[in-house]
Amino acid sequence: MVVAGTITRDDVRTPLGVNTDGLGGSATYFTLAARLFAPVSVVGTAGPDFMPTFQNAMRETGADLRSVAQSTLPTYRWRAEHDYETGTTRNETSDQGAYRGFNPVLTADQRQAKIVFLGSMEPRHQMRVLEQLEAPWLVAGDTMKLYIREQPEALEPVLQRLDYLFLNASEAMALAKVDTIEEASEQLRHRFTLRGLVIKEGPKGATLYRHGEDIHLPALPVDPPTDPTGAGDAVAAGFLGALAEQQVETDESVRLALGYAMVMASFAIQHFSVKGLQPITRADVEARMASMAWQVQPAG
């Protein structure tokens, strides 16, 4: 799998505390979760201030970092406060840093990748990656309200080329300009000819909208959830990792993939930054999957 996304230096506040200078970013979280399913190749950039931290976190993952470029600019900086009462993120500020001068370049083998995840970053970077792909089997992507609101013209052609789109409910409704998630899912699936739309619902789990019946799975309870940062990228990693492993897209395989998505998110939110994902093994994942087995099985 190839992931193209952000590598960030995060300052995060939640009801359980504050974490300063934590490693984050869509590419980082995705890689740490997806490594348990398939080899991952990373496309991103970081500055000299934080590249050693990123490389150190990746050392045990086996990830291919050839397309992680070191910038002369500082690492993308992200600050936010997670409010558990409302389930929202507020006081969010960011400085694109290294990504202001980012020009993603894929190697010859990365261009031939069969599964690609475009993590949340500026649409122009996502499009640059899309333009280099040769014959992918499945391209999935994520975005955020900032780009939905401020860069719709750049975002639209990216979304037109996706097979799967991962959004939370408020992002989906903002993108579709409607007031209910049902309207949003119906409109977005047809507007972008998606094979699947995954709506991330935080503590309520996630719903996969696709042809045939919609599939909803609850979140695994984590008490208390320490830091929801990166949970959405872990969802994408579990889902796409499971499909990469199975190499088939059926009703059964996508339901299983959604189960793995919920499991990976549950690990991500247990600790600040990437500490929930770094130490875990596939055995840890399977133990948690076993607790979901009755929900992952298709009805009937």
Protein backbone atom coordinates (compact mmCIF):
# COMPACT_ATOMS: atom_id res chain seq x y z
CA MET A 1 0.00 0.00 0.00
CA VAL A 2 1.01 3.61 -0.54
CA VAL A 3 -0.05 6.37 1.83
CA ALA A 4 0.43 10.02 0.89
CA GLY A 5 -0.37 12.41 3.69
CA THR A 6 0.93 14.63 6.44
CA ILE A 7 3.63 14.23 9.04
CA THR A 8 2.93 16.71 11.82
CA ARG A 9 4.13 18.06 15.14
CA ASP A 10 1.04 18.26 17.35
CA ASP A 11 -0.01 20.14 20.46
CA VAL A 12 -3.22 18.54 21.67
CA ARG A 13 -5.46 19.19 24.66
CA THR A 14 -8.20 16.77 25.75
CA PRO A 15 -10.17 16.41 29.00
CA LEU A 16 -7.48 13.94 30.11
CA GLY A 17 -4.54 16.27 29.70
CA VAL A 18 -2.19 18.06 27.35
CA ASN A 19 0.36 16.57 24.96
CA THR A 20 2.98 18.89 23.47
CA ASP A 21 5.22 18.12 20.50
CA GLY A 22 3.51 14.82 19.78
CA LEU A 23 4.14 13.03 16.50
CA GLY A 24 1.02 13.06 14.32
CA GLY A 25 -0.26 13.45 10.78
CA SER A 26 -2.39 11.32 8.49
CA ALA A 27 0.57 9.47 6.95
CA THR A 28 2.02 8.70 10.38
CA TYR A 29 -1.12 7.28 11.96
CA PHE A 30 -2.06 5.35 8.83
CA THR A 31 1.36 3.70 8.54
CA LEU A 32 1.52 2.63 12.18
CA ALA A 33 -1.90 0.99 11.91
CA ALA A 34 -1.65 -0.46 8.38
CA ARG A 35 1.80 -2.04 8.92
CA LEU A 36 0.08 -4.96 10.69
CA PHE A 37 -1.73 -5.93 7.47
CA ALA A 38 0.55 -5.18 4.51
CA PRO A 39 3.80 -3.39 3.60
CA VAL A 40 3.37 0.40 3.56
CA SER A 41 5.19 2.96 1.45
CA VAL A 42 5.03 6.57 2.70
CA VAL A 43 4.88 9.79 0.68
CA GLY A 44 5.29 12.92 2.80
CA THR A 45 7.66 15.56 4.11
CA ALA A 46 8.99 16.87 7.41
CA GLY A 47 11.44 19.51 8.50
CA PRO A 48 14.82 19.02 10.18
CA ASP A 49 13.18 19.87 13.52
CA PHE A 50 11.09 16.68 13.59
CA MET A 51 12.33 14.30 10.89
CA PRO A 52 14.43 12.29 13.41
CA THR A 53 11.34 11.83 15.60
CA PHE A 54 9.35 10.52 12.63
CA GLN A 55 12.13 8.23 11.43
CA ASN A 56 12.59 6.84 14.92
CA ALA A 57 8.87 6.03 15.17
CA MET A 58 9.00 4.26 11.80
CA ARG A 59 12.10 2.18 12.55
CA GLU A 60 10.29 -0.98 13.64
CA THR A 61 7.47 -0.74 11.08
CA GLY A 62 9.34 -1.87 7.97
CA ALA A 63 7.78 1.09 6.14
CA ASP A 64 9.38 2.29 2.91
CA LEU A 65 10.41 5.92 3.49
CA ARG A 66 12.13 6.62 0.16
CA SER A 67 9.50 9.22 -0.77
CA VAL A 68 9.59 11.06 2.55
CA ALA A 69 11.44 14.25 1.66
CA GLN A 70 13.27 16.38 4.20
CA SER A 71 12.32 20.03 3.83
CA THR A 72 14.29 23.08 4.87
CA LEU A 73 11.02 24.43 6.31
CA PRO A 74 9.83 23.38 9.77
CA THR A 75 7.49 20.40 10.17
CA TYR A 76 3.73 20.96 9.71
CA ARG A 77 2.46 22.25 13.09
CA TRP A 78 -1.06 21.42 14.33
CA ARG A 79 -2.76 22.58 17.53
CA ALA A 80 -6.23 21.59 18.69
CA GLU A 81 -8.50 20.97 21.64
CA HIS A 82 -10.84 17.97 21.69
CA ASP A 83 -14.16 18.50 23.45
CA TYR A 84 -15.73 15.19 24.52
CA GLU A 85 -19.02 16.83 25.53
CA THR A 86 -19.82 17.94 22.00
CA GLY A 87 -17.59 15.50 20.11
CA THR A 88 -15.96 18.42 18.32
CA THR A 89 -12.46 19.77 17.83
CA ARG A 90 -12.06 23.46 18.58
CA ASN A 91 -9.39 26.16 18.74
CA GLU A 92 -7.76 24.41 15.79
CA THR A 93 -4.77 26.15 14.23
CA SER A 94 -2.12 24.89 11.85
CA ASP A 95 0.99 25.98 10.01
CA GLN A 96 1.63 23.94 6.85
CA GLY A 97 5.38 24.43 7.22
CA ALA A 98 7.19 21.83 5.09
CA TYR A 99 4.01 21.16 3.08
CA ARG A 100 4.08 24.68 1.64
CA GLY A 101 6.94 23.56 -0.59
CA PHE A 102 5.90 19.90 -0.94
CA ASN A 103 6.10 18.24 -4.35
CA PRO A 104 5.27 14.54 -3.91
CA VAL A 105 7.30 12.30 -6.22
CA LEU A 106 6.55 8.58 -6.40
CA THR A 107 9.13 5.94 -7.28
CA ALA A 108 8.48 3.58 -10.20
CA ASP A 109 7.17 0.82 -7.94
CA GLN A 110 5.00 3.21 -5.91
CA ARG A 111 3.34 4.34 -9.15
CA GLN A 112 2.21 0.74 -9.64
CA ALA A 113 0.71 0.38 -6.14
CA LYS A 114 -2.65 -1.40 -6.09
CA ILE A 115 -4.05 0.29 -2.95
CA VAL A 116 -3.45 3.97 -2.25
CA PHE A 117 -4.66 6.17 0.60
CA LEU A 118 -4.63 9.93 0.19
CA GLY A 119 -4.58 11.23 3.74
CA SER A 120 -5.99 14.61 4.64
CA MET A 121 -3.77 17.31 3.12
CA GLU A 122 -4.13 20.07 0.55
CA PRO A 123 -6.02 18.83 -2.54
CA ARG A 124 -3.18 19.95 -4.84
CA HIS A 125 -0.85 17.44 -3.18
CA GLN A 126 -3.47 14.70 -3.42
CA MET A 127 -3.96 15.42 -7.12
CA ARG A 128 -0.21 15.36 -7.76
CA VAL A 129 -0.10 11.84 -6.32
CA LEU A 130 -3.17 10.74 -8.32
CA GLU A 131 -1.55 11.93 -11.54
CA GLN A 132 1.42 9.60 -10.96
CA LEU A 133 -0.54 6.40 -10.34
CA GLU A 134 -0.58 3.86 -13.18
CA ALA A 135 -3.28 1.25 -12.55
CA PRO A 136 -4.43 1.20 -8.94
CA TRP A 137 -7.08 -1.30 -7.85
CA LEU A 138 -8.45 0.93 -5.10
CA VAL A 139 -7.81 4.59 -4.29
CA ALA A 140 -9.24 5.97 -1.06
CA GLY A 141 -9.06 9.44 0.38
CA ASP A 142 -9.88 11.71 3.27
CA THR A 143 -10.26 15.46 3.55
CA MET A 144 -11.26 18.07 6.12
CA LYS A 145 -13.67 20.96 6.49
CA LEU A 146 -10.95 23.51 5.85
CA TYR A 147 -10.47 22.25 2.28
CA ILE A 148 -14.19 21.61 1.72
CA ARG A 149 -14.84 25.23 2.65
CA GLU A 150 -11.81 27.02 1.20
CA GLN A 151 -10.60 24.89 -1.74
CA PRO A 152 -13.71 23.29 -3.32
CA GLU A 153 -12.47 23.77 -6.90
CA ALA A 154 -9.22 21.94 -6.16
CA LEU A 155 -10.92 19.24 -4.08
CA GLU A 156 -13.67 18.30 -6.56
CA PRO A 157 -11.45 16.62 -9.20
CA VAL A 158 -9.64 14.68 -6.48
CA LEU A 159 -12.90 13.28 -5.14
CA GLN A 160 -14.01 12.37 -8.66
CA ARG A 161 -11.12 9.90 -8.87
CA LEU A 162 -11.64 8.11 -5.56
CA ASP A 163 -13.14 4.65 -5.05
CA TYR A 164 -13.61 5.08 -1.29
CA LEU A 165 -14.05 8.28 0.69
CA PHE A 166 -13.63 8.56 4.47
CA LEU A 167 -15.39 11.48 6.19
CA ASN A 168 -17.05 12.27 9.48
CA ALA A 169 -20.72 13.25 9.46
CA SER A 170 -20.18 17.01 9.63
CA GLU A 171 -17.64 16.89 6.78
CA ALA A 172 -20.02 14.82 4.64
CA MET A 173 -22.94 17.20 5.22
CA ALA A 174 -20.71 20.22 4.52
CA LEU A 175 -19.47 18.66 1.28
CA ALA A 176 -22.99 17.74 0.13
CA LYS A 177 -24.50 20.99 1.49
CA VAL A 178 -27.37 19.10 3.13
CA ASP A 179 -28.64 18.71 6.70
CA THR A 180 -28.77 14.94 7.20
CA ILE A 181 -26.22 12.20 6.83
CA GLU A 182 -28.69 10.09 4.81
CA GLU A 183 -29.01 12.84 2.19
CA ALA A 184 -25.26 13.39 2.21
CA SER A 185 -24.39 9.72 1.71
CA GLU A 186 -26.86 9.32 -1.14
CA GLN A 187 -25.69 12.46 -2.91
CA LEU A 188 -21.94 11.93 -2.47
CA ARG A 189 -21.92 8.30 -3.60
CA HIS A 190 -23.56 9.23 -6.87
CA ARG A 191 -21.82 12.56 -7.40
CA PHE A 192 -18.40 10.92 -7.14
CA THR A 193 -19.30 7.38 -8.34
CA LEU A 194 -17.80 5.95 -5.16
CA ARG A 195 -17.67 2.22 -4.52
CA GLY A 196 -17.96 3.05 -0.85
CA LEU A 197 -18.40 5.96 1.54
CA VAL A 198 -17.26 5.42 5.12
CA ILE A 199 -18.82 7.81 7.62
CA LYS A 200 -16.80 7.95 10.85
CA GLU A 201 -19.09 8.50 13.83
CA GLY A 202 -16.60 8.66 16.71
CA PRO A 203 -17.90 6.84 19.80
CA LYS A 204 -20.87 5.55 17.76
CA GLY A 205 -18.65 3.63 15.34
CA ALA A 206 -18.82 3.91 11.56
CA THR A 207 -21.17 3.23 8.67
CA LEU A 208 -20.16 2.01 5.22
CA TYR A 209 -22.54 3.14 2.48
CA ARG A 210 -22.22 1.12 -0.71
CA HIS A 211 -24.41 -0.68 -3.23
CA GLY A 212 -26.68 -3.14 -1.48
CA GLU A 213 -27.16 -2.76 2.24
CA ASP A 214 -25.35 -0.20 4.39
CA ILE A 215 -23.11 -1.68 7.06
CA HIS A 216 -22.87 -0.12 10.51
CA LEU A 217 -20.53 -1.30 13.23
CA PRO A 218 -20.28 0.19 16.72
CA ALA A 219 -17.04 1.50 18.15
CA LEU A 220 -15.16 -0.66 20.63
CA PRO A 221 -15.60 0.91 24.05
CA VAL A 222 -12.42 2.50 25.38
CA ASP A 223 -12.72 3.99 28.86
CA PRO A 224 -11.49 6.59 29.00
CA PRO A 225 -10.59 7.63 25.44
CA THR A 226 -7.41 9.64 25.91
CA ASP A 227 -6.89 11.33 22.53
CA PRO A 228 -9.06 10.93 19.39
CA THR A 229 -6.41 12.48 17.15
CA GLY A 230 -5.56 10.08 14.32
CA ALA A 231 -8.51 7.75 14.93
CA GLY A 232 -9.88 8.46 11.45
CA ASP A 233 -6.57 7.54 9.83
CA ALA A 234 -6.51 4.34 11.88
CA VAL A 235 -10.02 3.57 10.59
CA ALA A 236 -8.79 3.94 7.00
CA ALA A 237 -5.71 1.84 7.75
CA GLY A 238 -7.68 -1.03 9.26
CA PHE A 239 -10.19 -0.97 6.44
CA LEU A 240 -7.73 -0.75 3.54
CA GLY A 241 -5.22 -3.03 5.25
CA ALA A 242 -7.82 -5.77 5.55
CA LEU A 243 -8.78 -5.39 1.89
CA ALA A 244 -5.12 -5.47 0.87
CA GLU A 245 -4.73 -8.71 2.80
CA GLN A 246 -7.87 -10.34 1.38
CA GLN A 247 -7.33 -8.98 -2.17
CA VAL A 248 -11.04 -9.18 -2.84
CA GLU A 249 -13.93 -6.75 -2.45
CA THR A 250 -17.13 -8.56 -1.47
CA ASP A 251 -19.93 -7.98 1.03
CA GLU A 252 -18.09 -10.24 3.47
CA SER A 253 -14.64 -8.73 2.95
CA VAL A 254 -15.77 -5.13 3.40
CA ARG A 255 -17.71 -6.03 6.55
CA LEU A 256 -14.59 -7.69 7.95
CA ALA A 257 -12.55 -4.65 6.88
CA LEU A 258 -14.92 -2.33 8.75
CA GLY A 259 -14.46 -4.50 11.83
CA TYR A 260 -10.69 -4.11 11.63
CA ALA A 261 -11.23 -0.36 11.13
CA MET A 262 -13.07 -0.15 14.45
CA VAL A 263 -10.37 -2.17 16.21
CA MET A 264 -7.51 0.00 14.94
CA ALA A 265 -9.36 3.19 15.97
CA SER A 266 -9.80 1.78 19.48
CA PHE A 267 -6.03 1.39 19.86
CA ALA A 268 -5.35 4.87 18.46
CA ILE A 269 -7.51 6.67 21.03
CA GLN A 270 -6.11 4.93 24.11
CA HIS A 271 -3.02 7.14 24.39
CA PHE A 272 -1.79 10.55 23.30
CA SER A 273 -0.14 10.85 19.89
CA VAL A 274 0.89 7.53 18.31
CA LYS A 275 1.62 5.69 21.55
CA GLY A 276 -1.57 3.62 21.25
CA LEU A 277 -0.51 2.19 17.88
CA GLN A 278 3.27 1.87 18.18
CA PRO A 279 3.63 -1.16 20.48
CA ILE A 280 0.74 -3.34 19.30
CA THR A 281 1.06 -6.64 17.45
CA ARG A 282 -1.28 -8.48 15.12
CA ALA A 283 -2.09 -10.79 18.03
CA ASP A 284 -3.33 -7.76 19.99
CA VAL A 285 -5.52 -6.80 17.03
CA GLU A 286 -6.95 -10.31 16.67
CA ALA A 287 -7.74 -10.51 20.38
CA ARG A 288 -9.78 -7.34 20.09
CA MET A 289 -11.37 -8.52 16.82
CA ALA A 290 -12.57 -11.64 18.62
CA SER A 291 -14.68 -9.45 20.90
CA MET A 292 -16.38 -8.04 17.80
CA ALA A 293 -16.81 -11.32 15.95
CA TRP A 294 -20.58 -11.56 16.41
CA GLN A 295 -21.01 -8.07 14.92
CA VAL A 296 -18.66 -8.62 11.99
CA GLN A 297 -20.51 -11.73 10.77
CA PRO A 298 -23.09 -10.96 8.06
CA ALA A 299 -26.72 -11.20 9.13
CA GLY A 300 -28.34 -14.55 8.32
